[in-house]
């Protein structure tokens, strides 16, 4: 896996994990202020969610990287069998 492929896989993994982490701990406020949506979260805690996303995406990316580098699962062999 070259550096560009590794970065692309990490970015895609990061975004998928972000969308899984975003709903964690979200609850609407008890008292809605005028001009705010009633469904808007009270404390979204985005920096914490970005940190969790980065850590989880790094672990998932590392697993993908090890699988690709170690040839436990060869994508090239798998693609060759599909072409036939």
C-alpha atoms as a PDB file:
ATOM      1  CA  UNK A   1       0.000   0.000   0.000  1.00  0.00           C
ATOM      2  CA  UNK A   2       1.543   3.286  -1.040  1.00  0.00           C
ATOM      3  CA  UNK A   3       1.237   6.516   0.948  1.00  0.00           C
ATOM      4  CA  UNK A   4      -1.611   7.933  -1.130  1.00  0.00           C
ATOM      5  CA  UNK A   5      -3.678   4.766  -0.760  1.00  0.00           C
ATOM      6  CA  UNK A   6      -2.983   4.692   2.965  1.00  0.00           C
ATOM      7  CA  UNK A   7      -4.147   8.292   3.383  1.00  0.00           C
ATOM      8  CA  UNK A   8      -7.285   7.715   1.313  1.00  0.00           C
ATOM      9  CA  UNK A   9      -8.182   4.599   3.322  1.00  0.00           C
ATOM     10  CA  UNK A  10      -7.642   6.486   6.585  1.00  0.00           C
ATOM     11  CA  UNK A  11      -9.757   9.470   5.510  1.00  0.00           C
ATOM     12  CA  UNK A  12     -12.626   7.246   4.387  1.00  0.00           C
ATOM     13  CA  UNK A  13     -12.383   5.228   7.597  1.00  0.00           C
ATOM     14  CA  UNK A  14     -12.317   8.426   9.668  1.00  0.00           C
ATOM     15  CA  UNK A  15     -15.505   9.755   8.063  1.00  0.00           C
ATOM     16  CA  UNK A  16     -17.364   6.465   8.466  1.00  0.00           C
ATOM     17  CA  UNK A  17     -16.377   6.282  12.138  1.00  0.00           C
ATOM     18  CA  UNK A  18     -17.331   9.949  12.642  1.00  0.00           C
ATOM     19  CA  UNK A  19     -20.868   9.287  11.452  1.00  0.00           C
ATOM     20  CA  UNK A  20     -21.073   6.350  13.862  1.00  0.00           C
ATOM     21  CA  UNK A  21     -19.778   8.440  16.796  1.00  0.00           C
ATOM     22  CA  UNK A  22     -21.815  11.629  16.224  1.00  0.00           C
ATOM     23  CA  UNK A  23     -25.058  10.385  17.850  1.00  0.00           C
ATOM     24  CA  UNK A  24     -23.330   9.308  21.090  1.00  0.00           C
ATOM     25  CA  UNK A  25     -24.620  11.231  24.106  1.00  0.00           C
ATOM     26  CA  UNK A  26     -26.820  13.589  22.118  1.00  0.00           C
ATOM     27  CA  UNK A  27     -29.910  14.822  23.910  1.00  0.00           C
ATOM     28  CA  UNK A  28     -32.064  17.877  23.268  1.00  0.00           C
ATOM     29  CA  UNK A  29     -32.040  20.722  25.784  1.00  0.00           C
ATOM     30  CA  UNK A  30     -34.709  20.895  28.476  1.00  0.00           C
ATOM     31  CA  UNK A  31     -35.413  24.558  27.761  1.00  0.00           C
ATOM     32  CA  UNK A  32     -35.230  25.553  24.107  1.00  0.00           C
ATOM     33  CA  UNK A  33     -34.043  29.095  23.519  1.00  0.00           C
ATOM     34  CA  UNK A  34     -35.879  31.254  21.045  1.00  0.00           C
ATOM     35  CA  UNK A  35     -34.449  30.900  17.539  1.00  0.00           C
ATOM     36  CA  UNK A  36     -32.908  27.458  18.193  1.00  0.00           C
ATOM     37  CA  UNK A  37     -34.198  24.205  16.761  1.00  0.00           C
ATOM     38  CA  UNK A  38     -35.850  22.015  19.371  1.00  0.00           C
ATOM     39  CA  UNK A  39     -33.872  19.023  18.120  1.00  0.00           C
ATOM     40  CA  UNK A  40     -30.466  20.736  18.367  1.00  0.00           C
ATOM     41  CA  UNK A  41     -28.201  18.996  20.897  1.00  0.00           C
ATOM     42  CA  UNK A  42     -27.590  20.730  24.206  1.00  0.00           C
ATOM     43  CA  UNK A  43     -23.842  19.918  24.360  1.00  0.00           C
ATOM     44  CA  UNK A  44     -22.586  18.312  21.132  1.00  0.00           C
ATOM     45  CA  UNK A  45     -18.999  17.803  22.500  1.00  0.00           C
ATOM     46  CA  UNK A  46     -17.529  17.752  18.998  1.00  0.00           C
ATOM     47  CA  UNK A  47     -13.866  17.918  20.026  1.00  0.00           C
ATOM     48  CA  UNK A  48     -14.280  14.807  22.183  1.00  0.00           C
ATOM     49  CA  UNK A  49     -16.061  13.045  19.338  1.00  0.00           C
ATOM     50  CA  UNK A  50     -13.306  14.040  16.890  1.00  0.00           C
ATOM     51  CA  UNK A  51     -10.697  12.618  19.274  1.00  0.00           C
ATOM     52  CA  UNK A  52     -12.589   9.354  19.690  1.00  0.00           C
ATOM     53  CA  UNK A  53     -13.084   9.179  15.928  1.00  0.00           C
ATOM     54  CA  UNK A  54      -9.375   9.700  15.295  1.00  0.00           C
ATOM     55  CA  UNK A  55      -8.366   6.975  17.754  1.00  0.00           C
ATOM     56  CA  UNK A  56     -10.904   4.406  16.541  1.00  0.00           C
ATOM     57  CA  UNK A  57     -10.144   5.159  12.873  1.00  0.00           C
ATOM     58  CA  UNK A  58      -6.415   4.726  13.554  1.00  0.00           C
ATOM     59  CA  UNK A  59      -7.002   1.270  15.068  1.00  0.00           C
ATOM     60  CA  UNK A  60      -9.250   0.201  12.183  1.00  0.00           C
ATOM     61  CA  UNK A  61      -6.764   1.603   9.651  1.00  0.00           C
ATOM     62  CA  UNK A  62      -3.928  -0.288  11.331  1.00  0.00           C
ATOM     63  CA  UNK A  63      -5.882  -3.547  11.050  1.00  0.00           C
ATOM     64  CA  UNK A  64      -6.567  -2.877   7.351  1.00  0.00           C
ATOM     65  CA  UNK A  65      -2.914  -1.959   6.787  1.00  0.00           C
ATOM     66  CA  UNK A  66      -1.657  -5.156   8.441  1.00  0.00           C
ATOM     67  CA  UNK A  67      -4.071  -7.266   6.383  1.00  0.00           C
ATOM     68  CA  UNK A  68      -2.930  -5.647   3.132  1.00  0.00           C
ATOM     69  CA  UNK A  69       0.805  -5.775   3.901  1.00  0.00           C
ATOM     70  CA  UNK A  70       0.886  -9.304   5.326  1.00  0.00           C
ATOM     71  CA  UNK A  71      -0.938 -10.855   2.339  1.00  0.00           C
ATOM     72  CA  UNK A  72      -3.247 -12.754   4.678  1.00  0.00           C
ATOM     73  CA  UNK A  73      -5.960 -11.682   2.303  1.00  0.00           C
ATOM     74  CA  UNK A  74      -4.620 -10.914  -1.161  1.00  0.00           C
ATOM     75  CA  UNK A  75      -6.788  -8.422  -2.999  1.00  0.00           C
ATOM     76  CA  UNK A  76      -4.866  -9.053  -6.221  1.00  0.00           C
ATOM     77  CA  UNK A  77      -5.539 -12.800  -6.126  1.00  0.00           C
ATOM     78  CA  UNK A  78      -9.181 -12.149  -5.291  1.00  0.00           C
ATOM     79  CA  UNK A  79      -9.497  -9.734  -8.239  1.00  0.00           C
ATOM     80  CA  UNK A  80      -7.814 -12.244 -10.567  1.00  0.00           C
ATOM     81  CA  UNK A  81     -10.375 -14.912  -9.696  1.00  0.00           C
ATOM     82  CA  UNK A  82     -13.236 -12.522 -10.461  1.00  0.00           C
ATOM     83  CA  UNK A  83     -11.852 -11.674 -13.920  1.00  0.00           C
ATOM     84  CA  UNK A  84     -11.935 -15.303 -15.021  1.00  0.00           C
END
